[in-house]
Amino acid sequence: MVDATGRPSRGDDTRTRILNAARELFASDGFDATTVRDIAQKVGLTDAALYYHFKNKREILNAVWDVPMGRGGGAFRPDGPLDRERLDAITDSAMEFTIRNEQLLRLMSLEILNGDETALALREQNRAVLRRVFREHFLTITTDGDSDVRTEAAVAVITGASMKLQMESGSGFVEAADRREFRERVRRWVRRVGGLEPAPV
């Protein structure tokens, strides 16, 4: 909703602050361990004021899932045979997506382990975009079957490297993922599984 000046109303601002706080708490402490009171206190609201915006904690989580995550490389379209520069750009875009959405992806992983079907569907939707981009590009240099194998390998490298770094670095993930050495290592692995860089002998 917007007010008379065309700016977001105060209610929308409060709702956004609630969702940001909830996403952070759910990602760090887990959905079950986070209380409505925890979220309200982080935002500086009373429990009653928070309940004005959301009926319960599950409704907050459902609203968190509705927050747009961006495209994660989905804007790339093949414009010729895939080369290393283009593959690096796609890999970088996927890593930027992971960094921008770190809290939401961490929460998604936790909730998938708890059996949340919405979280699982969202993760698969995001991975489907990445798979499509890689496959379209690999098809410019190889056959269907080989493209599928390279696509799955590239997605596994990016998601695996991100998950491993999250476990190792904890709250320092964003800084660690932005380091030049880590980025170059992931690019190199993707180039290798993509057939654009030979494996070391």
C-alpha atoms as a PDB file:
ATOM      1  CA  MET A   1       0.000   0.000   0.000  1.00  0.00           C
ATOM      2  CA  VAL A   2       1.085   3.578  -0.627  1.00  0.00           C
ATOM      3  CA  ASP A   3       0.142   6.787   1.132  1.00  0.00           C
ATOM      4  CA  ALA A   4      -1.084  10.022  -0.470  1.00  0.00           C
ATOM      5  CA  THR A   5       2.478  10.938  -1.539  1.00  0.00           C
ATOM      6  CA  GLY A   6       2.943   7.627  -3.371  1.00  0.00           C
ATOM      7  CA  ARG A   7       5.427   6.303  -0.795  1.00  0.00           C
ATOM      8  CA  PRO A   8       5.018   2.977   1.018  1.00  0.00           C
ATOM      9  CA  SER A   9       2.712   3.337   4.017  1.00  0.00           C
ATOM     10  CA  ARG A  10       4.075   2.970   7.538  1.00  0.00           C
ATOM     11  CA  GLY A  11       2.302  -0.391   7.811  1.00  0.00           C
ATOM     12  CA  ASP A  12       4.249  -1.731   4.831  1.00  0.00           C
ATOM     13  CA  ASP A  13       7.499  -0.530   6.391  1.00  0.00           C
ATOM     14  CA  THR A  14       6.666  -2.319   9.651  1.00  0.00           C
ATOM     15  CA  ARG A  15       5.750  -5.486   7.773  1.00  0.00           C
ATOM     16  CA  THR A  16       9.060  -5.379   5.899  1.00  0.00           C
ATOM     17  CA  ARG A  17      10.982  -4.896   9.159  1.00  0.00           C
ATOM     18  CA  ILE A  18       9.140  -7.867  10.682  1.00  0.00           C
ATOM     19  CA  LEU A  19      10.013 -10.063   7.689  1.00  0.00           C
ATOM     20  CA  ASN A  20      13.664  -8.992   7.733  1.00  0.00           C
ATOM     21  CA  ALA A  21      13.944  -9.706  11.465  1.00  0.00           C
ATOM     22  CA  ALA A  22      12.144 -13.037  11.126  1.00  0.00           C
ATOM     23  CA  ARG A  23      14.331 -14.137   8.214  1.00  0.00           C
ATOM     24  CA  GLU A  24      17.463 -13.344  10.230  1.00  0.00           C
ATOM     25  CA  LEU A  25      16.230 -15.121  13.382  1.00  0.00           C
ATOM     26  CA  PHE A  26      14.818 -18.128  11.531  1.00  0.00           C
ATOM     27  CA  ALA A  27      18.111 -18.519   9.637  1.00  0.00           C
ATOM     28  CA  SER A  28      20.293 -18.284  12.747  1.00  0.00           C
ATOM     29  CA  ASP A  29      18.134 -19.991  15.404  1.00  0.00           C
ATOM     30  CA  GLY A  30      15.699 -22.060  13.325  1.00  0.00           C
ATOM     31  CA  PHE A  31      11.954 -21.654  12.878  1.00  0.00           C
ATOM     32  CA  ASP A  32      10.958 -23.799  15.866  1.00  0.00           C
ATOM     33  CA  ALA A  33      13.338 -22.102  18.316  1.00  0.00           C
ATOM     34  CA  THR A  34      12.292 -18.574  17.301  1.00  0.00           C
ATOM     35  CA  THR A  35       9.263 -17.141  19.080  1.00  0.00           C
ATOM     36  CA  VAL A  36       6.901 -14.399  17.988  1.00  0.00           C
ATOM     37  CA  ARG A  37       8.177 -12.447  20.992  1.00  0.00           C
ATOM     38  CA  ASP A  38      11.778 -12.773  19.702  1.00  0.00           C
ATOM     39  CA  ILE A  39      10.728 -11.292  16.365  1.00  0.00           C
ATOM     40  CA  ALA A  40       8.662  -8.520  17.966  1.00  0.00           C
ATOM     41  CA  GLN A  41      11.530  -7.536  20.281  1.00  0.00           C
ATOM     42  CA  LYS A  42      14.027  -7.436  17.423  1.00  0.00           C
ATOM     43  CA  VAL A  43      11.740  -5.044  15.537  1.00  0.00           C
ATOM     44  CA  GLY A  44      10.865  -3.009  18.641  1.00  0.00           C
ATOM     45  CA  LEU A  45       7.183  -3.978  18.704  1.00  0.00           C
ATOM     46  CA  THR A  46       4.868  -5.517  21.240  1.00  0.00           C
ATOM     47  CA  ASP A  47       3.532  -8.993  20.533  1.00  0.00           C
ATOM     48  CA  ALA A  48       0.091  -7.479  19.969  1.00  0.00           C
ATOM     49  CA  ALA A  49       1.451  -5.018  17.400  1.00  0.00           C
ATOM     50  CA  LEU A  50       3.127  -7.859  15.493  1.00  0.00           C
ATOM     51  CA  TYR A  51      -0.120  -9.864  15.518  1.00  0.00           C
ATOM     52  CA  TYR A  52      -1.769  -6.896  13.799  1.00  0.00           C
ATOM     53  CA  HIS A  53       0.363  -7.707  10.734  1.00  0.00           C
ATOM     54  CA  PHE A  54       0.547 -11.517  10.978  1.00  0.00           C
ATOM     55  CA  LYS A  55      -1.784 -14.064  12.573  1.00  0.00           C
ATOM     56  CA  ASN A  56       0.989 -16.419  13.663  1.00  0.00           C
ATOM     57  CA  LYS A  57       4.587 -17.473  13.155  1.00  0.00           C
ATOM     58  CA  ARG A  58       3.754 -19.804  10.241  1.00  0.00           C
ATOM     59  CA  GLU A  59       2.139 -16.906   8.375  1.00  0.00           C
ATOM     60  CA  ILE A  60       5.362 -14.930   8.872  1.00  0.00           C
ATOM     61  CA  LEU A  61       7.389 -17.808   7.416  1.00  0.00           C
ATOM     62  CA  ASN A  62       5.039 -18.074   4.432  1.00  0.00           C
ATOM     63  CA  ALA A  63       5.481 -14.334   3.822  1.00  0.00           C
ATOM     64  CA  VAL A  64       9.275 -14.746   4.037  1.00  0.00           C
ATOM     65  CA  TRP A  65       9.047 -17.353   1.253  1.00  0.00           C
ATOM     66  CA  ASP A  66       7.194 -14.793  -0.890  1.00  0.00           C
ATOM     67  CA  VAL A  67      10.100 -12.303  -0.818  1.00  0.00           C
ATOM     68  CA  PRO A  68      11.642 -12.169  -4.331  1.00  0.00           C
ATOM     69  CA  MET A  69      15.136 -13.675  -4.425  1.00  0.00           C
ATOM     70  CA  GLY A  70      16.338 -12.357  -7.783  1.00  0.00           C
ATOM     71  CA  ARG A  71      17.289 -14.334 -10.857  1.00  0.00           C
ATOM     72  CA  GLY A  72      20.559 -16.032  -9.959  1.00  0.00           C
ATOM     73  CA  GLY A  73      21.975 -16.039 -13.476  1.00  0.00           C
ATOM     74  CA  GLY A  74      18.577 -16.339 -15.152  1.00  0.00           C
ATOM     75  CA  ALA A  75      19.159 -13.257 -17.313  1.00  0.00           C
ATOM     76  CA  PHE A  76      21.938 -14.928 -19.362  1.00  0.00           C
ATOM     77  CA  ARG A  77      21.067 -16.138 -22.858  1.00  0.00           C
ATOM     78  CA  PRO A  78      23.477 -17.876 -25.252  1.00  0.00           C
ATOM     79  CA  ASP A  79      24.831 -15.618 -27.993  1.00  0.00           C
ATOM     80  CA  GLY A  80      27.369 -17.962 -29.536  1.00  0.00           C
ATOM     81  CA  PRO A  81      29.581 -20.854 -28.461  1.00  0.00           C
ATOM     82  CA  LEU A  82      30.215 -20.881 -24.713  1.00  0.00           C
ATOM     83  CA  ASP A  83      33.663 -19.651 -23.719  1.00  0.00           C
ATOM     84  CA  ARG A  84      35.482 -19.331 -20.392  1.00  0.00           C
ATOM     85  CA  GLU A  85      34.613 -15.661 -19.955  1.00  0.00           C
ATOM     86  CA  ARG A  86      30.890 -16.321 -20.328  1.00  0.00           C
ATOM     87  CA  LEU A  87      31.003 -19.381 -18.059  1.00  0.00           C
ATOM     88  CA  ASP A  88      32.831 -17.347 -15.394  1.00  0.00           C
ATOM     89  CA  ALA A  89      30.168 -14.630 -15.647  1.00  0.00           C
ATOM     90  CA  ILE A  90      27.367 -17.169 -15.118  1.00  0.00           C
ATOM     91  CA  THR A  91      29.242 -18.690 -12.173  1.00  0.00           C
ATOM     92  CA  ASP A  92      29.817 -15.255 -10.641  1.00  0.00           C
ATOM     93  CA  SER A  93      26.149 -14.396 -11.041  1.00  0.00           C
ATOM     94  CA  ALA A  94      25.144 -17.617  -9.266  1.00  0.00           C
ATOM     95  CA  MET A  95      27.557 -16.848  -6.426  1.00  0.00           C
ATOM     96  CA  GLU A  96      26.253 -13.269  -6.136  1.00  0.00           C
ATOM     97  CA  PHE A  97      22.742 -14.692  -5.862  1.00  0.00           C
ATOM     98  CA  THR A  98      23.900 -16.947  -3.022  1.00  0.00           C
ATOM     99  CA  ILE A  99      25.535 -14.042  -1.189  1.00  0.00           C
ATOM    100  CA  ARG A 100      22.524 -11.722  -1.612  1.00  0.00           C
ATOM    101  CA  ASN A 101      20.136 -14.403  -0.365  1.00  0.00           C
ATOM    102  CA  GLU A 102      22.369 -16.062   2.220  1.00  0.00           C
ATOM    103  CA  GLN A 103      19.917 -15.836   5.136  1.00  0.00           C
ATOM    104  CA  LEU A 104      16.987 -17.012   3.069  1.00  0.00           C
ATOM    105  CA  LEU A 105      18.960 -19.929   1.611  1.00  0.00           C
ATOM    106  CA  ARG A 106      20.189 -20.937   5.070  1.00  0.00           C
ATOM    107  CA  LEU A 107      16.601 -20.834   6.348  1.00  0.00           C
ATOM    108  CA  MET A 108      15.456 -22.815   3.331  1.00  0.00           C
ATOM    109  CA  SER A 109      17.991 -25.562   4.075  1.00  0.00           C
ATOM    110  CA  LEU A 110      16.926 -25.750   7.718  1.00  0.00           C
ATOM    111  CA  GLU A 111      13.252 -25.952   6.834  1.00  0.00           C
ATOM    112  CA  ILE A 112      13.813 -28.564   4.130  1.00  0.00           C
ATOM    113  CA  LEU A 113      15.415 -30.734   6.822  1.00  0.00           C
ATOM    114  CA  ASN A 114      12.238 -30.195   8.871  1.00  0.00           C
ATOM    115  CA  GLY A 115      10.057 -31.338   5.961  1.00  0.00           C
ATOM    116  CA  ASP A 116       8.774 -27.950   4.750  1.00  0.00           C
ATOM    117  CA  GLU A 117       7.394 -28.604   1.256  1.00  0.00           C
ATOM    118  CA  THR A 118       7.319 -24.902   0.330  1.00  0.00           C
ATOM    119  CA  ALA A 119      11.023 -24.524   1.116  1.00  0.00           C
ATOM    120  CA  LEU A 120      11.828 -27.599  -0.976  1.00  0.00           C
ATOM    121  CA  ALA A 121       9.769 -26.307  -3.898  1.00  0.00           C
ATOM    122  CA  LEU A 122      11.478 -22.902  -3.741  1.00  0.00           C
ATOM    123  CA  ARG A 123      14.934 -24.458  -3.701  1.00  0.00           C
ATOM    124  CA  GLU A 124      14.065 -26.610  -6.697  1.00  0.00           C
ATOM    125  CA  GLN A 125      12.613 -23.591  -8.511  1.00  0.00           C
ATOM    126  CA  ASN A 126      15.843 -21.630  -7.972  1.00  0.00           C
ATOM    127  CA  ARG A 127      18.004 -24.557  -9.055  1.00  0.00           C
ATOM    128  CA  ALA A 128      15.831 -25.075 -12.135  1.00  0.00           C
ATOM    129  CA  VAL A 129      16.676 -21.545 -13.303  1.00  0.00           C
ATOM    130  CA  LEU A 130      20.393 -22.215 -12.847  1.00  0.00           C
ATOM    131  CA  ARG A 131      20.130 -25.591 -14.605  1.00  0.00           C
ATOM    132  CA  ARG A 132      18.327 -24.021 -17.562  1.00  0.00           C
ATOM    133  CA  VAL A 133      21.002 -21.343 -17.981  1.00  0.00           C
ATOM    134  CA  PHE A 134      23.907 -23.778 -17.804  1.00  0.00           C
ATOM    135  CA  ARG A 135      22.222 -26.302 -20.107  1.00  0.00           C
ATOM    136  CA  GLU A 136      21.390 -23.686 -22.766  1.00  0.00           C
ATOM    137  CA  HIS A 137      25.008 -22.559 -22.778  1.00  0.00           C
ATOM    138  CA  PHE A 138      26.570 -26.034 -22.731  1.00  0.00           C
ATOM    139  CA  LEU A 139      24.361 -26.990 -25.682  1.00  0.00           C
ATOM    140  CA  THR A 140      26.283 -24.436 -27.758  1.00  0.00           C
ATOM    141  CA  ILE A 141      29.441 -26.566 -27.450  1.00  0.00           C
ATOM    142  CA  THR A 142      28.284 -30.155 -26.901  1.00  0.00           C
ATOM    143  CA  THR A 143      25.452 -32.693 -27.296  1.00  0.00           C
ATOM    144  CA  ASP A 144      22.243 -33.119 -25.273  1.00  0.00           C
ATOM    145  CA  GLY A 145      23.470 -35.911 -23.007  1.00  0.00           C
ATOM    146  CA  ASP A 146      26.849 -34.351 -22.369  1.00  0.00           C
ATOM    147  CA  SER A 147      25.212 -30.979 -21.722  1.00  0.00           C
ATOM    148  CA  ASP A 148      22.986 -32.556 -19.050  1.00  0.00           C
ATOM    149  CA  VAL A 149      25.989 -34.101 -17.298  1.00  0.00           C
ATOM    150  CA  ARG A 150      27.969 -30.855 -17.381  1.00  0.00           C
ATOM    151  CA  THR A 151      24.927 -28.916 -16.148  1.00  0.00           C
ATOM    152  CA  GLU A 152      24.366 -31.170 -13.138  1.00  0.00           C
ATOM    153  CA  ALA A 153      28.072 -31.075 -12.318  1.00  0.00           C
ATOM    154  CA  ALA A 154      28.242 -27.267 -12.520  1.00  0.00           C
ATOM    155  CA  VAL A 155      25.161 -26.825 -10.298  1.00  0.00           C
ATOM    156  CA  ALA A 156      26.576 -29.353  -7.822  1.00  0.00           C
ATOM    157  CA  VAL A 157      29.900 -27.492  -7.695  1.00  0.00           C
ATOM    158  CA  ILE A 158      28.262 -24.140  -6.971  1.00  0.00           C
ATOM    159  CA  THR A 159      25.745 -25.396  -4.411  1.00  0.00           C
ATOM    160  CA  GLY A 160      28.261 -27.736  -2.782  1.00  0.00           C
ATOM    161  CA  ALA A 161      30.973 -25.089  -2.517  1.00  0.00           C
ATOM    162  CA  SER A 162      28.471 -22.608  -1.074  1.00  0.00           C
ATOM    163  CA  MET A 163      27.110 -25.061   1.493  1.00  0.00           C
ATOM    164  CA  LYS A 164      30.604 -26.136   2.569  1.00  0.00           C
ATOM    165  CA  LEU A 165      31.683 -22.523   2.981  1.00  0.00           C
ATOM    166  CA  GLN A 166      28.528 -21.731   4.980  1.00  0.00           C
ATOM    167  CA  MET A 167      29.296 -24.571   7.381  1.00  0.00           C
ATOM    168  CA  GLU A 168      32.940 -23.519   7.724  1.00  0.00           C
ATOM    169  CA  SER A 169      32.451 -19.762   8.013  1.00  0.00           C
ATOM    170  CA  GLY A 170      29.080 -19.465   9.789  1.00  0.00           C
ATOM    171  CA  SER A 171      28.101 -15.826  10.164  1.00  0.00           C
ATOM    172  CA  GLY A 172      31.182 -14.789   8.174  1.00  0.00           C
ATOM    173  CA  PHE A 173      29.870 -16.473   5.016  1.00  0.00           C
ATOM    174  CA  VAL A 174      29.237 -13.317   2.991  1.00  0.00           C
ATOM    175  CA  GLU A 175      32.755 -12.027   3.562  1.00  0.00           C
ATOM    176  CA  ALA A 176      34.308 -15.465   2.905  1.00  0.00           C
ATOM    177  CA  ALA A 177      32.285 -15.978  -0.299  1.00  0.00           C
ATOM    178  CA  ASP A 178      33.399 -12.601  -1.588  1.00  0.00           C
ATOM    179  CA  ARG A 179      37.094 -13.461  -1.304  1.00  0.00           C
ATOM    180  CA  ARG A 180      38.959 -13.565  -4.593  1.00  0.00           C
ATOM    181  CA  GLU A 181      40.567 -16.956  -3.863  1.00  0.00           C
ATOM    182  CA  PHE A 182      37.231 -18.630  -3.178  1.00  0.00           C
ATOM    183  CA  ARG A 183      35.592 -17.122  -6.263  1.00  0.00           C
ATOM    184  CA  GLU A 184      38.459 -18.161  -8.511  1.00  0.00           C
ATOM    185  CA  ARG A 185      38.470 -21.691  -7.084  1.00  0.00           C
ATOM    186  CA  VAL A 186      34.747 -22.094  -7.835  1.00  0.00           C
ATOM    187  CA  ARG A 187      35.181 -20.655 -11.343  1.00  0.00           C
ATOM    188  CA  ARG A 188      38.033 -23.090 -11.999  1.00  0.00           C
ATOM    189  CA  TRP A 189      35.985 -26.098 -10.800  1.00  0.00           C
ATOM    190  CA  VAL A 190      33.030 -25.063 -12.976  1.00  0.00           C
ATOM    191  CA  ARG A 191      35.310 -24.623 -15.982  1.00  0.00           C
ATOM    192  CA  ARG A 192      36.724 -28.113 -15.417  1.00  0.00           C
ATOM    193  CA  VAL A 193      33.353 -29.872 -15.105  1.00  0.00           C
ATOM    194  CA  GLY A 194      32.151 -27.762 -18.038  1.00  0.00           C
ATOM    195  CA  GLY A 195      35.034 -28.988 -20.215  1.00  0.00           C
ATOM    196  CA  LEU A 196      36.590 -25.535 -20.666  1.00  0.00           C
ATOM    197  CA  GLU A 197      39.675 -26.112 -18.528  1.00  0.00           C
ATOM    198  CA  PRO A 198      41.727 -29.284 -18.302  1.00  0.00           C
ATOM    199  CA  ALA A 199      42.024 -30.980 -14.915  1.00  0.00           C
ATOM    200  CA  PRO A 200      45.499 -30.844 -13.381  1.00  0.00           C
ATOM    201  CA  VAL A 201      47.720 -33.816 -14.182  1.00  0.00           C
END
